[in-house]
Amino acid sequence: MNWKTLFKPADILTDGDKAELEKIDKKAEQHRALIERIRDEWPTAAERMDALERLGQKLAEAPTDEALFHRCTLVAAMPSDPLHGYQHRDRVTSIIARKIEEILRPQERIVRRVITRALDAAEGELKKTEAAEKGLAKDDGYDYSPSGRVLALQRRVLELRNAVAAAYPGEQGFINHPGDWQERLREWL
């Protein structure tokens, strides 16, 4: 079922909600860039030799570059054991990832508000469609049996109820992060 034709995306995800979500995302950009920089500059044991080779080639072209020599020294000092050669950077990136999660936490309230709006619209459409079909069945004198449209709306209402009730980071019962707001609200973008 094409939900965009049934519900107007702008009625579900307003421009104000989207702007607010994007503003919060922007606050985490530096932290995300830092994680990428750490992953690039602190290779795992499996990536260590390739990184040393790349840095060595650059150093051969610029033998007096102290910053490049320092990077080479850092990579050379990183763990070389494949079983334990990733923990040095994961220790730091996990701390930064928690900070990103803290920055993005206000998005959950906005996403829940948007999904609640979608749930209200879907429940309203379900009631209207079901009432029309039940009225038609009664008028024509046969037992009511839900159509594919009603069943699809019922499934959608259930999905949206589960999304509204899901535990978000910081709430009791939280286990798995439900995902990025753009992924969760993609059908209304």
C-alpha atoms as a PDB file:
ATOM      1  CA  MET A   1       0.000   0.000   0.000  1.00  0.00           C
ATOM      2  CA  ASN A   2       1.390   3.417  -0.926  1.00  0.00           C
ATOM      3  CA  TRP A   3       1.199   5.361   2.333  1.00  0.00           C
ATOM      4  CA  LYS A   4       2.285   8.622   0.686  1.00  0.00           C
ATOM      5  CA  THR A   5      -0.916   8.753  -1.337  1.00  0.00           C
ATOM      6  CA  LEU A   6      -3.048   7.914   1.668  1.00  0.00           C
ATOM      7  CA  PHE A   7      -1.364  10.267   4.146  1.00  0.00           C
ATOM      8  CA  LYS A   8       0.338  13.506   3.157  1.00  0.00           C
ATOM      9  CA  PRO A   9       3.974  13.330   4.311  1.00  0.00           C
ATOM     10  CA  ALA A  10       3.956  17.052   5.216  1.00  0.00           C
ATOM     11  CA  ASP A  11       1.062  16.425   7.621  1.00  0.00           C
ATOM     12  CA  ILE A  12       3.041  13.722   9.428  1.00  0.00           C
ATOM     13  CA  LEU A  13       6.602  15.115   9.373  1.00  0.00           C
ATOM     14  CA  THR A  14       6.286  18.882   9.477  1.00  0.00           C
ATOM     15  CA  ASP A  15       8.993  21.239   8.244  1.00  0.00           C
ATOM     16  CA  GLY A  16       9.488  22.367  11.840  1.00  0.00           C
ATOM     17  CA  ASP A  17      10.073  18.801  13.046  1.00  0.00           C
ATOM     18  CA  LYS A  18      12.521  18.137  10.219  1.00  0.00           C
ATOM     19  CA  ALA A  19      14.431  21.374  10.889  1.00  0.00           C
ATOM     20  CA  GLU A  20      14.646  20.521  14.586  1.00  0.00           C
ATOM     21  CA  LEU A  21      15.957  17.017  13.837  1.00  0.00           C
ATOM     22  CA  GLU A  22      18.543  18.356  11.394  1.00  0.00           C
ATOM     23  CA  LYS A  23      19.674  21.004  13.908  1.00  0.00           C
ATOM     24  CA  ILE A  24      20.287  18.292  16.517  1.00  0.00           C
ATOM     25  CA  ASP A  25      22.152  16.188  13.922  1.00  0.00           C
ATOM     26  CA  LYS A  26      24.426  19.137  13.182  1.00  0.00           C
ATOM     27  CA  LYS A  27      25.487  19.276  16.858  1.00  0.00           C
ATOM     28  CA  ALA A  28      26.970  15.769  16.526  1.00  0.00           C
ATOM     29  CA  GLU A  29      28.880  16.365  13.265  1.00  0.00           C
ATOM     30  CA  GLN A  30      32.214  17.162  14.937  1.00  0.00           C
ATOM     31  CA  HIS A  31      31.992  14.064  17.105  1.00  0.00           C
ATOM     32  CA  ARG A  32      31.214  11.850  14.102  1.00  0.00           C
ATOM     33  CA  ALA A  33      34.156  13.374  12.218  1.00  0.00           C
ATOM     34  CA  LEU A  34      36.385  12.684  15.234  1.00  0.00           C
ATOM     35  CA  ILE A  35      35.386   9.015  15.249  1.00  0.00           C
ATOM     36  CA  GLU A  36      36.190   8.781  11.529  1.00  0.00           C
ATOM     37  CA  ARG A  37      39.552  10.485  12.107  1.00  0.00           C
ATOM     38  CA  ILE A  38      40.399   8.058  14.921  1.00  0.00           C
ATOM     39  CA  ARG A  39      39.426   5.086  12.756  1.00  0.00           C
ATOM     40  CA  ASP A  40      41.590   6.454   9.960  1.00  0.00           C
ATOM     41  CA  GLU A  41      44.625   7.363  12.058  1.00  0.00           C
ATOM     42  CA  TRP A  42      44.487   4.480  14.553  1.00  0.00           C
ATOM     43  CA  PRO A  43      44.381   1.371  12.389  1.00  0.00           C
ATOM     44  CA  THR A  44      43.488  -2.025  13.753  1.00  0.00           C
ATOM     45  CA  ALA A  45      46.092  -4.789  13.775  1.00  0.00           C
ATOM     46  CA  ALA A  46      44.775  -6.017  10.429  1.00  0.00           C
ATOM     47  CA  GLU A  47      45.147  -2.542   8.866  1.00  0.00           C
ATOM     48  CA  ARG A  48      48.406  -1.643  10.594  1.00  0.00           C
ATOM     49  CA  MET A  49      50.929  -2.815   7.993  1.00  0.00           C
ATOM     50  CA  ASP A  50      49.038  -1.210   5.101  1.00  0.00           C
ATOM     51  CA  ALA A  51      48.832   2.057   7.030  1.00  0.00           C
ATOM     52  CA  LEU A  52      52.558   1.931   7.771  1.00  0.00           C
ATOM     53  CA  GLU A  53      53.298   1.334   4.108  1.00  0.00           C
ATOM     54  CA  ARG A  54      51.140   4.297   3.016  1.00  0.00           C
ATOM     55  CA  LEU A  55      52.718   6.564   5.624  1.00  0.00           C
ATOM     56  CA  GLY A  56      56.197   5.302   4.718  1.00  0.00           C
ATOM     57  CA  GLN A  57      55.646   6.222   1.076  1.00  0.00           C
ATOM     58  CA  LYS A  58      54.508   9.709   2.086  1.00  0.00           C
ATOM     59  CA  LEU A  59      57.465  10.060   4.454  1.00  0.00           C
ATOM     60  CA  ALA A  60      59.876   9.044   1.671  1.00  0.00           C
ATOM     61  CA  GLU A  61      58.537  11.976  -0.376  1.00  0.00           C
ATOM     62  CA  ALA A  62      58.775  14.404   2.570  1.00  0.00           C
ATOM     63  CA  PRO A  63      61.587  13.189   4.837  1.00  0.00           C
ATOM     64  CA  THR A  64      61.552  16.344   6.997  1.00  0.00           C
ATOM     65  CA  ASP A  65      57.812  16.316   7.758  1.00  0.00           C
ATOM     66  CA  GLU A  66      57.760  15.947  11.546  1.00  0.00           C
ATOM     67  CA  ALA A  67      53.953  15.560  11.772  1.00  0.00           C
ATOM     68  CA  LEU A  68      54.062  12.716   9.265  1.00  0.00           C
ATOM     69  CA  PHE A  69      56.958  11.099  11.131  1.00  0.00           C
ATOM     70  CA  HIS A  70      54.953  11.370  14.366  1.00  0.00           C
ATOM     71  CA  ARG A  71      51.932   9.678  12.706  1.00  0.00           C
ATOM     72  CA  CYS A  72      54.238   6.926  11.458  1.00  0.00           C
ATOM     73  CA  THR A  73      55.572   6.425  14.983  1.00  0.00           C
ATOM     74  CA  LEU A  74      52.054   6.225  16.403  1.00  0.00           C
ATOM     75  CA  VAL A  75      50.965   3.607  13.877  1.00  0.00           C
ATOM     76  CA  ALA A  76      54.144   1.611  14.425  1.00  0.00           C
ATOM     77  CA  ALA A  77      53.465   1.577  18.171  1.00  0.00           C
ATOM     78  CA  MET A  78      49.906   0.270  17.780  1.00  0.00           C
ATOM     79  CA  PRO A  79      49.155  -3.322  18.763  1.00  0.00           C
ATOM     80  CA  SER A  80      50.050  -5.913  16.158  1.00  0.00           C
ATOM     81  CA  ASP A  81      48.168  -8.846  17.683  1.00  0.00           C
ATOM     82  CA  PRO A  82      45.087  -9.505  15.496  1.00  0.00           C
ATOM     83  CA  LEU A  83      43.073 -10.711  18.512  1.00  0.00           C
ATOM     84  CA  HIS A  84      43.621  -7.533  20.484  1.00  0.00           C
ATOM     85  CA  GLY A  85      44.592  -4.996  17.844  1.00  0.00           C
ATOM     86  CA  TYR A  86      41.360  -3.033  17.738  1.00  0.00           C
ATOM     87  CA  GLN A  87      40.717  -2.262  21.389  1.00  0.00           C
ATOM     88  CA  HIS A  88      42.936   0.814  21.492  1.00  0.00           C
ATOM     89  CA  ARG A  89      40.642   2.741  19.184  1.00  0.00           C
ATOM     90  CA  ASP A  90      37.359   1.108  20.210  1.00  0.00           C
ATOM     91  CA  ARG A  91      37.982   2.252  23.770  1.00  0.00           C
ATOM     92  CA  VAL A  92      38.080   5.887  22.629  1.00  0.00           C
ATOM     93  CA  THR A  93      35.406   5.692  19.915  1.00  0.00           C
ATOM     94  CA  SER A  94      32.913   4.073  22.293  1.00  0.00           C
ATOM     95  CA  ILE A  95      33.245   7.063  24.658  1.00  0.00           C
ATOM     96  CA  ILE A  96      32.685   9.474  21.778  1.00  0.00           C
ATOM     97  CA  ALA A  97      29.767   7.368  20.502  1.00  0.00           C
ATOM     98  CA  ARG A  98      28.108   7.666  23.925  1.00  0.00           C
ATOM     99  CA  LYS A  99      28.534  11.448  23.700  1.00  0.00           C
ATOM    100  CA  ILE A 100      26.911  11.412  20.229  1.00  0.00           C
ATOM    101  CA  GLU A 101      24.026   9.386  21.654  1.00  0.00           C
ATOM    102  CA  GLU A 102      23.637  11.950  24.436  1.00  0.00           C
ATOM    103  CA  ILE A 103      23.604  14.815  21.912  1.00  0.00           C
ATOM    104  CA  LEU A 104      21.023  13.045  19.723  1.00  0.00           C
ATOM    105  CA  ARG A 105      18.739  11.979  22.592  1.00  0.00           C
ATOM    106  CA  PRO A 106      16.305  14.928  22.096  1.00  0.00           C
ATOM    107  CA  GLN A 107      15.557  13.559  18.611  1.00  0.00           C
ATOM    108  CA  GLU A 108      13.707  10.618  20.133  1.00  0.00           C
ATOM    109  CA  ARG A 109      11.020  12.903  21.550  1.00  0.00           C
ATOM    110  CA  ILE A 110      10.516  14.503  18.127  1.00  0.00           C
ATOM    111  CA  VAL A 111      10.483  11.153  16.300  1.00  0.00           C
ATOM    112  CA  ARG A 112       7.943   9.781  18.769  1.00  0.00           C
ATOM    113  CA  ARG A 113       5.780  12.882  18.210  1.00  0.00           C
ATOM    114  CA  VAL A 114       5.933  12.386  14.416  1.00  0.00           C
ATOM    115  CA  ILE A 115       5.160   8.669  14.663  1.00  0.00           C
ATOM    116  CA  THR A 116       2.253   9.428  17.022  1.00  0.00           C
ATOM    117  CA  ARG A 117       0.891  11.826  14.401  1.00  0.00           C
ATOM    118  CA  ALA A 118       1.183   9.057  11.787  1.00  0.00           C
ATOM    119  CA  LEU A 119      -0.529   6.607  14.156  1.00  0.00           C
ATOM    120  CA  ASP A 120      -3.435   8.993  14.699  1.00  0.00           C
ATOM    121  CA  ALA A 121      -3.835   9.403  10.929  1.00  0.00           C
ATOM    122  CA  ALA A 122      -3.657   5.634  10.322  1.00  0.00           C
ATOM    123  CA  GLU A 123      -6.157   4.869  13.107  1.00  0.00           C
ATOM    124  CA  GLY A 124      -8.545   7.481  11.718  1.00  0.00           C
ATOM    125  CA  GLU A 125      -8.292   6.027   8.220  1.00  0.00           C
ATOM    126  CA  LEU A 126      -8.767   2.498   9.598  1.00  0.00           C
ATOM    127  CA  LYS A 127     -11.934   3.490  11.486  1.00  0.00           C
ATOM    128  CA  LYS A 128     -13.323   5.298   8.446  1.00  0.00           C
ATOM    129  CA  THR A 129     -12.540   2.449   6.025  1.00  0.00           C
ATOM    130  CA  GLU A 130     -13.769  -0.255   8.390  1.00  0.00           C
ATOM    131  CA  ALA A 131     -17.018   1.612   9.101  1.00  0.00           C
ATOM    132  CA  ALA A 132     -17.646   2.056   5.364  1.00  0.00           C
ATOM    133  CA  GLU A 133     -17.026  -1.624   4.658  1.00  0.00           C
ATOM    134  CA  LYS A 134     -19.161  -2.774   7.593  1.00  0.00           C
ATOM    135  CA  GLY A 135     -21.964  -0.448   6.443  1.00  0.00           C
ATOM    136  CA  LEU A 136     -21.765  -1.831   2.907  1.00  0.00           C
ATOM    137  CA  ALA A 137     -21.852  -5.427   4.226  1.00  0.00           C
ATOM    138  CA  LYS A 138     -24.865  -4.643   6.394  1.00  0.00           C
ATOM    139  CA  ASP A 139     -26.677  -2.877   3.536  1.00  0.00           C
ATOM    140  CA  ASP A 140     -26.035  -5.762   1.156  1.00  0.00           C
ATOM    141  CA  GLY A 141     -26.913  -8.365   3.795  1.00  0.00           C
ATOM    142  CA  TYR A 142     -23.700 -10.350   4.135  1.00  0.00           C
ATOM    143  CA  ASP A 143     -21.251 -10.996   6.974  1.00  0.00           C
ATOM    144  CA  TYR A 144     -18.483  -8.456   7.227  1.00  0.00           C
ATOM    145  CA  SER A 145     -15.029  -9.653   6.228  1.00  0.00           C
ATOM    146  CA  PRO A 146     -12.155  -7.150   6.237  1.00  0.00           C
ATOM    147  CA  SER A 147     -10.688  -6.271   2.864  1.00  0.00           C
ATOM    148  CA  GLY A 148      -6.992  -6.233   2.048  1.00  0.00           C
ATOM    149  CA  ARG A 149      -7.015  -2.484   2.604  1.00  0.00           C
ATOM    150  CA  VAL A 150      -8.386  -2.892   6.149  1.00  0.00           C
ATOM    151  CA  LEU A 151      -5.858  -5.638   6.897  1.00  0.00           C
ATOM    152  CA  ALA A 152      -3.019  -3.451   5.593  1.00  0.00           C
ATOM    153  CA  LEU A 153      -4.216  -0.540   7.719  1.00  0.00           C
ATOM    154  CA  GLN A 154      -4.457  -2.812  10.772  1.00  0.00           C
ATOM    155  CA  ARG A 155      -0.880  -3.988  10.224  1.00  0.00           C
ATOM    156  CA  ARG A 156       0.267  -0.397   9.796  1.00  0.00           C
ATOM    157  CA  VAL A 157      -1.495   0.707  12.976  1.00  0.00           C
ATOM    158  CA  LEU A 158       0.183  -2.143  14.866  1.00  0.00           C
ATOM    159  CA  GLU A 159       3.627  -1.194  13.468  1.00  0.00           C
ATOM    160  CA  LEU A 160       3.119   2.427  14.447  1.00  0.00           C
ATOM    161  CA  ARG A 161       1.865   1.513  17.941  1.00  0.00           C
ATOM    162  CA  ASN A 162       4.977  -0.610  18.450  1.00  0.00           C
ATOM    163  CA  ALA A 163       7.180   2.238  17.212  1.00  0.00           C
ATOM    164  CA  VAL A 164       5.537   4.703  19.610  1.00  0.00           C
ATOM    165  CA  ALA A 165       5.847   2.271  22.527  1.00  0.00           C
ATOM    166  CA  ALA A 166       9.466   1.302  21.780  1.00  0.00           C
ATOM    167  CA  ALA A 167      11.997   2.068  24.501  1.00  0.00           C
ATOM    168  CA  TYR A 168      14.517   4.673  23.401  1.00  0.00           C
ATOM    169  CA  PRO A 169      18.026   5.246  24.770  1.00  0.00           C
ATOM    170  CA  GLY A 170      17.810   6.355  28.376  1.00  0.00           C
ATOM    171  CA  GLU A 171      14.416   4.703  28.950  1.00  0.00           C
ATOM    172  CA  GLN A 172      13.765   1.578  30.962  1.00  0.00           C
ATOM    173  CA  GLY A 173      13.673  -1.529  28.800  1.00  0.00           C
ATOM    174  CA  PHE A 174      15.944  -0.088  26.096  1.00  0.00           C
ATOM    175  CA  ILE A 175      17.890  -2.839  24.331  1.00  0.00           C
ATOM    176  CA  ASN A 176      18.485  -2.030  20.672  1.00  0.00           C
ATOM    177  CA  HIS A 177      18.682   1.425  19.192  1.00  0.00           C
ATOM    178  CA  PRO A 178      15.774   1.840  16.772  1.00  0.00           C
ATOM    179  CA  GLY A 179      17.982   3.623  14.254  1.00  0.00           C
ATOM    180  CA  ASP A 180      18.660   7.019  12.797  1.00  0.00           C
ATOM    181  CA  TRP A 181      15.700   9.417  12.540  1.00  0.00           C
ATOM    182  CA  GLN A 182      16.057   9.620   8.746  1.00  0.00           C
ATOM    183  CA  GLU A 183      15.769   5.863   8.455  1.00  0.00           C
ATOM    184  CA  ARG A 184      12.800   5.680  10.801  1.00  0.00           C
ATOM    185  CA  LEU A 185      10.949   8.557   9.131  1.00  0.00           C
ATOM    186  CA  ARG A 186      12.063   7.863   5.532  1.00  0.00           C
ATOM    187  CA  GLU A 187       8.542   7.360   4.216  1.00  0.00           C
ATOM    188  CA  TRP A 188       7.624  10.925   5.185  1.00  0.00           C
ATOM    189  CA  LEU A 189      10.793  12.628   3.972  1.00  0.00           C
END
